[in-house]
Amino acid sequence: VGVKESHQMTLFRIIAAILHLGNLEIQAERDDDACHVSSEDEHLNHFCSLLGVEQSQMEHWLCHRK
């Protein structure tokens, strides 16, 4: 395709992270206006490690709009 090998690994990492994010279980709370992501979720762990983001921040921003 003409993409440098160093860029390929970055692309593969991003694609893998997106696929893990698609497998993440987001659980609705009692009023259906709020949600919760388990910090034990293996897909969240993989997503955060692949992209180098802090897990607690990702848990927060996946469930809060602002």
Protein backbone atom coordinates (compact mmCIF):
# COMPACT_ATOMS: atom_id res chain seq x y z
CA VAL A 1 0.00 0.00 0.00
CA GLY A 2 3.03 2.25 0.29
CA VAL A 3 2.85 2.92 4.04
CA LYS A 4 6.18 2.88 5.87
CA GLU A 5 6.68 0.01 8.30
CA SER A 6 6.95 2.39 11.27
CA HIS A 7 3.60 3.93 10.34
CA GLN A 8 2.04 0.49 9.82
CA MET A 9 2.65 -0.48 13.44
CA THR A 10 1.03 2.76 14.61
CA LEU A 11 -1.98 2.11 12.40
CA PHE A 12 -2.26 -1.49 13.61
CA ARG A 13 -2.13 -0.28 17.23
CA ILE A 14 -4.92 2.25 16.61
CA ILE A 15 -7.08 -0.31 14.79
CA ALA A 16 -6.56 -2.87 17.57
CA ALA A 17 -7.53 -0.26 20.17
CA ILE A 18 -10.73 0.60 18.28
CA LEU A 19 -11.63 -3.09 18.04
CA HIS A 20 -11.11 -3.51 21.80
CA LEU A 21 -13.24 -0.43 22.45
CA GLY A 22 -16.04 -2.10 20.47
CA ASN A 23 -15.94 -5.08 22.86
CA LEU A 24 -16.09 -2.92 25.98
CA GLU A 25 -19.09 -3.54 28.24
CA ILE A 26 -20.75 -0.30 29.28
CA GLN A 27 -23.36 -0.98 31.95
CA ALA A 28 -26.38 1.27 32.41
CA GLU A 29 -27.19 2.39 35.93
CA ARG A 30 -30.63 2.47 37.49
CA ASP A 31 -31.91 5.69 35.90
CA ASP A 32 -30.57 4.90 32.38
CA ASP A 33 -29.05 8.40 32.28
CA ALA A 34 -25.77 7.22 33.73
CA CYS A 35 -23.44 4.36 32.98
CA HIS A 36 -20.49 2.53 34.43
CA VAL A 37 -17.41 0.85 32.95
CA SER A 38 -15.71 -1.81 35.04
CA SER A 39 -12.06 -1.08 35.75
CA GLU A 40 -11.53 -4.86 35.56
CA ASP A 41 -12.64 -5.03 31.90
CA GLU A 42 -9.80 -6.59 29.89
CA HIS A 43 -10.77 -4.69 26.74
CA LEU A 44 -10.49 -1.36 28.56
CA ASN A 45 -7.06 -2.40 29.83
CA HIS A 46 -5.89 -3.30 26.32
CA PHE A 47 -7.37 -0.12 24.83
CA CYS A 48 -5.59 2.10 27.35
CA SER A 49 -2.26 0.32 27.03
CA LEU A 50 -2.36 0.42 23.22
CA LEU A 51 -3.05 4.15 23.11
CA GLY A 52 -1.07 5.11 26.21
CA VAL A 53 -3.98 6.77 28.01
CA GLU A 54 -4.80 6.70 31.71
CA GLN A 55 -7.46 4.10 32.51
CA SER A 56 -9.28 6.12 35.17
CA GLN A 57 -9.62 9.05 32.77
CA MET A 58 -10.95 6.78 30.03
CA GLU A 59 -13.51 5.25 32.43
CA HIS A 60 -14.70 8.75 33.30
CA TRP A 61 -14.92 10.17 29.77
CA LEU A 62 -16.63 7.12 28.30
CA CYS A 63 -19.54 7.74 30.68
CA HIS A 64 -19.65 11.57 30.90
CA ARG A 65 -20.40 13.97 28.08
CA LYS A 66 -18.81 17.03 29.67
